[in-house]
Full PDB file with SEQRES, HELIX, SHEET, SSBOND, CRYST1, ORIGX, SCALE, CONECT and MASTER records, all heavy atoms in Angstrom:
SEQRES   1 A   31  ASN GLY ALA PRO VAL GLY LYS VAL ALA SER ILE GLU PRO          
SEQRES   2 A   31  LEU PRO ASP GLY GLY ALA ALA LEU HIS LEU ALA LEU ASP          
SEQRES   3 A   31  PRO GLY SER VAL ASP                                          
HELIX    1 AA1 PRO A   27  VAL A   30  1                                   4    
SHEET    1 AA1 2 GLY A   6  PRO A  13  0                                        
SHEET    2 AA1 2 ALA A  19  LEU A  25 -1                                        
CRYST1    1.000    1.000    1.000  90.00  90.00  90.00 P 1           1          
ORIGX1      1.000000  0.000000  0.000000        0.00000                         
ORIGX2      0.000000  1.000000  0.000000        0.00000                         
ORIGX3      0.000000  0.000000  1.000000        0.00000                         
SCALE1      1.000000  0.000000  0.000000        0.00000                         
SCALE2      0.000000  1.000000  0.000000        0.00000                         
SCALE3      0.000000  0.000000  1.000000        0.00000                         
ATOM      1  N   ASN A   1       6.631  10.800  -6.011  1.00  0.00           N  
ATOM      2  CA  ASN A   1       7.486  11.977  -6.170  1.00  0.00           C  
ATOM      3  C   ASN A   1       8.059  12.549  -4.884  1.00  0.00           C  
ATOM      4  O   ASN A   1       8.188  13.692  -4.756  1.00  0.00           O  
ATOM      5  CB  ASN A   1       6.759  13.053  -7.020  1.00  0.00           C  
ATOM      6  CG  ASN A   1       6.356  12.676  -8.377  1.00  0.00           C  
ATOM      7  OD1 ASN A   1       7.066  11.741  -9.000  1.00  0.00           O  
ATOM      8  ND2 ASN A   1       5.217  13.062  -8.863  1.00  0.00           N  
ATOM      9  N   GLY A   2       8.241  11.694  -3.893  1.00  0.00           N  
ATOM     10  CA  GLY A   2       8.776  12.078  -2.660  1.00  0.00           C  
ATOM     11  C   GLY A   2       7.859  12.618  -1.607  1.00  0.00           C  
ATOM     12  O   GLY A   2       8.195  12.844  -0.563  1.00  0.00           O  
ATOM     13  N   ALA A   3       6.509  12.792  -2.016  1.00  0.00           N  
ATOM     14  CA  ALA A   3       5.596  13.282  -1.088  1.00  0.00           C  
ATOM     15  C   ALA A   3       4.786  12.101  -0.579  1.00  0.00           C  
ATOM     16  O   ALA A   3       4.266  11.216  -1.367  1.00  0.00           O  
ATOM     17  CB  ALA A   3       4.635  14.241  -1.834  1.00  0.00           C  
ATOM     18  N   PRO A   4       4.455  12.108   0.778  1.00  0.00           N  
ATOM     19  CA  PRO A   4       3.728  10.951   1.413  1.00  0.00           C  
ATOM     20  C   PRO A   4       2.283  11.158   1.014  1.00  0.00           C  
ATOM     21  O   PRO A   4       1.644  12.137   1.105  1.00  0.00           O  
ATOM     22  CB  PRO A   4       3.923  11.128   2.861  1.00  0.00           C  
ATOM     23  CG  PRO A   4       4.364  12.543   2.993  1.00  0.00           C  
ATOM     24  CD  PRO A   4       5.010  13.027   1.758  1.00  0.00           C  
ATOM     25  N   VAL A   5       1.761   9.945   0.575  1.00  0.00           N  
ATOM     26  CA  VAL A   5       0.237   9.885   0.140  1.00  0.00           C  
ATOM     27  C   VAL A   5      -0.580   8.714   0.956  1.00  0.00           C  
ATOM     28  O   VAL A   5      -1.709   8.635   0.695  1.00  0.00           O  
ATOM     29  CB  VAL A   5       0.137   9.728  -1.354  1.00  0.00           C  
ATOM     30  CG1 VAL A   5       0.613  10.934  -2.080  1.00  0.00           C  
ATOM     31  CG2 VAL A   5       0.791   8.484  -1.776  1.00  0.00           C  
ATOM     32  N   GLY A   6       0.154   8.174   1.852  1.00  0.00           N  
ATOM     33  CA  GLY A   6      -0.508   6.911   2.608  1.00  0.00           C  
ATOM     34  C   GLY A   6       0.514   6.140   3.296  1.00  0.00           C  
ATOM     35  O   GLY A   6       1.589   6.546   3.506  1.00  0.00           O  
ATOM     36  N   LYS A   7      -0.032   4.908   3.617  1.00  0.00           N  
ATOM     37  CA  LYS A   7       0.869   4.082   4.389  1.00  0.00           C  
ATOM     38  C   LYS A   7       0.441   2.596   4.072  1.00  0.00           C  
ATOM     39  O   LYS A   7      -0.433   2.306   3.407  1.00  0.00           O  
ATOM     40  CB  LYS A   7       0.704   4.245   5.875  1.00  0.00           C  
ATOM     41  CG  LYS A   7      -0.713   3.846   6.437  1.00  0.00           C  
ATOM     42  CD  LYS A   7      -0.779   4.019   7.828  1.00  0.00           C  
ATOM     43  CE  LYS A   7      -2.189   3.587   8.386  1.00  0.00           C  
ATOM     44  NZ  LYS A   7      -2.372   3.711   9.844  1.00  0.00           N  
ATOM     45  N   VAL A   8       1.384   1.727   4.468  1.00  0.00           N  
ATOM     46  CA  VAL A   8       1.048   0.287   4.214  1.00  0.00           C  
ATOM     47  C   VAL A   8       0.270  -0.276   5.443  1.00  0.00           C  
ATOM     48  O   VAL A   8       0.744  -0.329   6.644  1.00  0.00           O  
ATOM     49  CB  VAL A   8       2.431  -0.554   4.095  1.00  0.00           C  
ATOM     50  CG1 VAL A   8       2.107  -2.030   3.896  1.00  0.00           C  
ATOM     51  CG2 VAL A   8       3.302  -0.060   2.971  1.00  0.00           C  
ATOM     52  N   ALA A   9      -0.951  -0.712   5.224  1.00  0.00           N  
ATOM     53  CA  ALA A   9      -1.900  -1.130   6.156  1.00  0.00           C  
ATOM     54  C   ALA A   9      -1.405  -2.509   6.702  1.00  0.00           C  
ATOM     55  O   ALA A   9      -1.325  -2.869   7.838  1.00  0.00           O  
ATOM     56  CB  ALA A   9      -3.246  -1.201   5.735  1.00  0.00           C  
ATOM     57  N   SER A  10      -1.165  -3.431   5.779  1.00  0.00           N  
ATOM     58  CA  SER A  10      -0.713  -4.777   6.172  1.00  0.00           C  
ATOM     59  C   SER A  10      -0.022  -5.435   4.942  1.00  0.00           C  
ATOM     60  O   SER A  10      -0.071  -5.030   3.773  1.00  0.00           O  
ATOM     61  CB  SER A  10      -1.967  -5.665   6.473  1.00  0.00           C  
ATOM     62  OG  SER A  10      -2.885  -5.748   5.315  1.00  0.00           O  
ATOM     63  N   ILE A  11       0.651  -6.513   5.319  1.00  0.00           N  
ATOM     64  CA  ILE A  11       1.435  -7.240   4.333  1.00  0.00           C  
ATOM     65  C   ILE A  11       1.003  -8.780   4.366  1.00  0.00           C  
ATOM     66  O   ILE A  11       0.998  -9.320   5.402  1.00  0.00           O  
ATOM     67  CB  ILE A  11       2.960  -7.185   4.621  1.00  0.00           C  
ATOM     68  CG1 ILE A  11       3.544  -5.774   4.591  1.00  0.00           C  
ATOM     69  CG2 ILE A  11       3.745  -8.086   3.608  1.00  0.00           C  
ATOM     70  CD1 ILE A  11       4.956  -5.532   4.961  1.00  0.00           C  
ATOM     71  N   GLU A  12       0.550  -9.234   3.142  1.00  0.00           N  
ATOM     72  CA  GLU A  12       0.021 -10.572   3.107  1.00  0.00           C  
ATOM     73  C   GLU A  12       0.976 -11.458   2.227  1.00  0.00           C  
ATOM     74  O   GLU A  12       1.149 -11.082   1.051  1.00  0.00           O  
ATOM     75  CB  GLU A  12      -1.377 -10.602   2.529  1.00  0.00           C  
ATOM     76  CG  GLU A  12      -1.982 -11.922   2.320  1.00  0.00           C  
ATOM     77  CD  GLU A  12      -3.327 -11.855   1.671  1.00  0.00           C  
ATOM     78  OE1 GLU A  12      -3.792 -10.817   1.411  1.00  0.00           O  
ATOM     79  OE2 GLU A  12      -3.841 -12.903   1.351  1.00  0.00           O  
ATOM     80  N   PRO A  13       1.498 -12.462   2.806  1.00  0.00           N  
ATOM     81  CA  PRO A  13       2.388 -13.361   1.938  1.00  0.00           C  
ATOM     82  C   PRO A  13       1.504 -14.168   1.044  1.00  0.00           C  
ATOM     83  O   PRO A  13       0.387 -14.532   1.362  1.00  0.00           O  
ATOM     84  CB  PRO A  13       3.088 -14.222   2.918  1.00  0.00           C  
ATOM     85  CG  PRO A  13       2.238 -14.327   4.066  1.00  0.00           C  
ATOM     86  CD  PRO A  13       1.516 -12.899   4.206  1.00  0.00           C  
ATOM     87  N   LEU A  14       2.042 -14.422  -0.239  1.00  0.00           N  
ATOM     88  CA  LEU A  14       1.311 -15.261  -1.175  1.00  0.00           C  
ATOM     89  C   LEU A  14       1.907 -16.558  -1.364  1.00  0.00           C  
ATOM     90  O   LEU A  14       3.090 -16.782  -1.109  1.00  0.00           O  
ATOM     91  CB  LEU A  14       1.265 -14.504  -2.627  1.00  0.00           C  
ATOM     92  CG  LEU A  14       0.735 -13.003  -2.556  1.00  0.00           C  
ATOM     93  CD1 LEU A  14       0.756 -12.425  -3.973  1.00  0.00           C  
ATOM     94  CD2 LEU A  14      -0.722 -13.102  -2.205  1.00  0.00           C  
ATOM     95  N   PRO A  15       1.080 -17.511  -1.887  1.00  0.00           N  
ATOM     96  CA  PRO A  15       1.604 -18.973  -1.996  1.00  0.00           C  
ATOM     97  C   PRO A  15       2.844 -19.087  -2.951  1.00  0.00           C  
ATOM     98  O   PRO A  15       3.688 -19.905  -2.883  1.00  0.00           O  
ATOM     99  CB  PRO A  15       0.381 -19.677  -2.525  1.00  0.00           C  
ATOM    100  CG  PRO A  15      -0.824 -18.878  -2.163  1.00  0.00           C  
ATOM    101  CD  PRO A  15      -0.414 -17.500  -2.243  1.00  0.00           C  
ATOM    102  N   ASP A  16       2.811 -18.156  -3.986  1.00  0.00           N  
ATOM    103  CA  ASP A  16       4.041 -18.303  -4.889  1.00  0.00           C  
ATOM    104  C   ASP A  16       5.257 -17.627  -4.476  1.00  0.00           C  
ATOM    105  O   ASP A  16       6.288 -17.479  -5.218  1.00  0.00           O  
ATOM    106  CB  ASP A  16       3.654 -17.713  -6.306  1.00  0.00           C  
ATOM    107  CG  ASP A  16       3.066 -16.224  -6.197  1.00  0.00           C  
ATOM    108  OD1 ASP A  16       3.070 -15.700  -5.062  1.00  0.00           O  
ATOM    109  OD2 ASP A  16       2.819 -15.580  -7.167  1.00  0.00           O  
ATOM    110  N   GLY A  17       5.347 -17.184  -3.220  1.00  0.00           N  
ATOM    111  CA  GLY A  17       6.490 -16.506  -2.753  1.00  0.00           C  
ATOM    112  C   GLY A  17       6.483 -15.052  -2.806  1.00  0.00           C  
ATOM    113  O   GLY A  17       7.387 -14.337  -2.228  1.00  0.00           O  
ATOM    114  N   GLY A  18       5.431 -14.445  -3.376  1.00  0.00           N  
ATOM    115  CA  GLY A  18       5.320 -12.991  -3.521  1.00  0.00           C  
ATOM    116  C   GLY A  18       4.677 -12.410  -2.277  1.00  0.00           C  
ATOM    117  O   GLY A  18       4.408 -13.120  -1.228  1.00  0.00           O  
ATOM    118  N   ALA A  19       4.278 -11.221  -2.460  1.00  0.00           N  
ATOM    119  CA  ALA A  19       3.575 -10.534  -1.228  1.00  0.00           C  
ATOM    120  C   ALA A  19       2.629  -9.493  -1.786  1.00  0.00           C  
ATOM    121  O   ALA A  19       2.743  -8.909  -2.936  1.00  0.00           O  
ATOM    122  CB  ALA A  19       4.623  -9.702  -0.428  1.00  0.00           C  
ATOM    123  N   ALA A  20       1.522  -9.455  -1.120  1.00  0.00           N  
ATOM    124  CA  ALA A  20       0.348  -8.443  -1.438  1.00  0.00           C  
ATOM    125  C   ALA A  20       0.524  -7.377  -0.297  1.00  0.00           C  
ATOM    126  O   ALA A  20       0.290  -7.622   0.862  1.00  0.00           O  
ATOM    127  CB  ALA A  20      -0.996  -9.128  -1.317  1.00  0.00           C  
ATOM    128  N   LEU A  21       0.770  -6.120  -0.684  1.00  0.00           N  
ATOM    129  CA  LEU A  21       0.933  -5.042   0.206  1.00  0.00           C  
ATOM    130  C   LEU A  21      -0.373  -4.220   0.147  1.00  0.00           C  
ATOM    131  O   LEU A  21      -0.754  -3.761  -0.891  1.00  0.00           O  
ATOM    132  CB  LEU A  21       2.048  -4.096  -0.234  1.00  0.00           C  
ATOM    133  CG  LEU A  21       3.469  -4.582   0.271  1.00  0.00           C  
ATOM    134  CD1 LEU A  21       3.883  -5.772  -0.478  1.00  0.00           C  
ATOM    135  CD2 LEU A  21       4.433  -3.464   0.047  1.00  0.00           C  
ATOM    136  N   HIS A  22      -1.106  -4.226   1.117  1.00  0.00           N  
ATOM    137  CA  HIS A  22      -2.439  -3.587   1.279  1.00  0.00           C  
ATOM    138  C   HIS A  22      -2.131  -2.036   1.742  1.00  0.00           C  
ATOM    139  O   HIS A  22      -1.684  -1.917   2.801  1.00  0.00           O  
ATOM    140  CB  HIS A  22      -3.404  -4.257   2.185  1.00  0.00           C  
ATOM    141  CG  HIS A  22      -3.748  -5.661   1.786  1.00  0.00           C  
ATOM    142  ND1 HIS A  22      -4.498  -5.857   0.740  1.00  0.00           N  
ATOM    143  CD2 HIS A  22      -3.276  -6.859   2.319  1.00  0.00           C  
ATOM    144  CE1 HIS A  22      -4.616  -7.380   0.596  1.00  0.00           C  
ATOM    145  NE2 HIS A  22      -3.737  -7.742   1.592  1.00  0.00           N  
ATOM    146  N   LEU A  23      -2.335  -1.175   0.834  1.00  0.00           N  
ATOM    147  CA  LEU A  23      -2.069   0.307   1.088  1.00  0.00           C  
ATOM    148  C   LEU A  23      -3.276   0.960   1.521  1.00  0.00           C  
ATOM    149  O   LEU A  23      -4.497   0.589   1.132  1.00  0.00           O  
ATOM    150  CB  LEU A  23      -1.487   0.876  -0.103  1.00  0.00           C  
ATOM    151  CG  LEU A  23      -0.405   0.235  -0.864  1.00  0.00           C  
ATOM    152  CD1 LEU A  23       0.083   1.072  -2.018  1.00  0.00           C  
ATOM    153  CD2 LEU A  23       0.794  -0.104   0.057  1.00  0.00           C  
ATOM    154  N   ALA A  24      -3.156   1.924   2.490  1.00  0.00           N  
ATOM    155  CA  ALA A  24      -4.152   2.899   2.777  1.00  0.00           C  
ATOM    156  C   ALA A  24      -3.807   4.302   2.448  1.00  0.00           C  
ATOM    157  O   ALA A  24      -2.935   4.979   3.094  1.00  0.00           O  
ATOM    158  CB  ALA A  24      -4.452   2.777   4.340  1.00  0.00           C  
ATOM    159  N   LEU A  25      -4.453   4.838   1.301  1.00  0.00           N  
ATOM    160  CA  LEU A  25      -4.056   6.064   0.757  1.00  0.00           C  
ATOM    161  C   LEU A  25      -4.911   7.184   1.318  1.00  0.00           C  
ATOM    162  O   LEU A  25      -6.138   6.915   1.504  1.00  0.00           O  
ATOM    163  CB  LEU A  25      -4.172   5.904  -0.746  1.00  0.00           C  
ATOM    164  CG  LEU A  25      -3.270   4.997  -1.441  1.00  0.00           C  
ATOM    165  CD1 LEU A  25      -3.335   5.058  -2.937  1.00  0.00           C  
ATOM    166  CD2 LEU A  25      -1.791   5.095  -1.004  1.00  0.00           C  
ATOM    167  N   ASP A  26      -4.449   8.346   1.263  1.00  0.00           N  
ATOM    168  CA  ASP A  26      -5.310   9.471   1.618  1.00  0.00           C  
ATOM    169  C   ASP A  26      -6.293   9.809   0.650  1.00  0.00           C  
ATOM    170  O   ASP A  26      -5.979   9.905  -0.544  1.00  0.00           O  
ATOM    171  CB  ASP A  26      -4.369  10.711   2.009  1.00  0.00           C  
ATOM    172  CG  ASP A  26      -3.378  10.536   3.059  1.00  0.00           C  
ATOM    173  OD1 ASP A  26      -3.642   9.553   3.884  1.00  0.00           O  
ATOM    174  OD2 ASP A  26      -2.359  11.107   3.040  1.00  0.00           O  
ATOM    175  N   PRO A  27      -7.593  10.125   0.995  1.00  0.00           N  
ATOM    176  CA  PRO A  27      -8.599  10.371   0.040  1.00  0.00           C  
ATOM    177  C   PRO A  27      -8.288  11.660  -0.758  1.00  0.00           C  
ATOM    178  O   PRO A  27      -8.500  11.700  -1.999  1.00  0.00           O  
ATOM    179  CB  PRO A  27      -9.878  10.527   0.797  1.00  0.00           C  
ATOM    180  CG  PRO A  27      -9.590   9.844   2.003  1.00  0.00           C  
ATOM    181  CD  PRO A  27      -8.102   9.965   2.393  1.00  0.00           C  
ATOM    182  N   GLY A  28      -7.683  12.659  -0.193  1.00  0.00           N  
ATOM    183  CA  GLY A  28      -7.350  13.763  -0.885  1.00  0.00           C  
ATOM    184  C   GLY A  28      -6.289  13.742  -1.931  1.00  0.00           C  
ATOM    185  O   GLY A  28      -6.088  14.491  -2.814  1.00  0.00           O  
ATOM    186  N   SER A  29      -5.432  12.565  -1.747  1.00  0.00           N  
ATOM    187  CA  SER A  29      -4.305  12.505  -2.657  1.00  0.00           C  
ATOM    188  C   SER A  29      -4.628  11.475  -3.858  1.00  0.00           C  
ATOM    189  O   SER A  29      -3.952  11.614  -4.869  1.00  0.00           O  
ATOM    190  CB  SER A  29      -3.060  11.877  -2.018  1.00  0.00           C  
ATOM    191  OG  SER A  29      -2.654  12.774  -0.807  1.00  0.00           O  
ATOM    192  N   VAL A  30      -5.665  10.757  -3.635  1.00  0.00           N  
ATOM    193  CA  VAL A  30      -6.045   9.680  -4.686  1.00  0.00           C  
ATOM    194  C   VAL A  30      -6.479  10.421  -5.981  1.00  0.00           C  
ATOM    195  O   VAL A  30      -6.240   9.894  -7.110  1.00  0.00           O  
ATOM    196  CB  VAL A  30      -7.113   8.816  -4.156  1.00  0.00           C  
ATOM    197  CG1 VAL A  30      -7.578   7.779  -5.251  1.00  0.00           C  
ATOM    198  CG2 VAL A  30      -6.547   7.939  -3.032  1.00  0.00           C  
ATOM    199  N   ASP A  31      -7.168  11.613  -5.861  1.00  0.00           N  
ATOM    200  CA  ASP A  31      -7.760  12.205  -7.089  1.00  0.00           C  
ATOM    201  C   ASP A  31      -6.587  12.641  -7.974  1.00  0.00           C  
ATOM    202  O   ASP A  31      -6.870  12.859  -9.194  1.00  0.00           O  
ATOM    203  CB  ASP A  31      -8.509  13.509  -6.575  1.00  0.00           C  
ATOM    204  CG  ASP A  31      -9.738  12.975  -5.798  1.00  0.00           C  
ATOM    205  OD1 ASP A  31     -10.191  11.952  -6.053  1.00  0.00           O  
ATOM    206  OD2 ASP A  31     -10.223  13.803  -5.055  1.00  0.00           O  
TER     207      ASP A  31                                                      
MASTER        0    0    0    1    2    0    0    6  206    1    0    3          
END                                                                             
């Protein structure tokens, strides 16, 4: 909703051409 709650820690390419985005979210926002 426009409010930052974390960042992208790393990007992992997948064999099928897709991508796995590993996110690091703020503990206070996850709830």
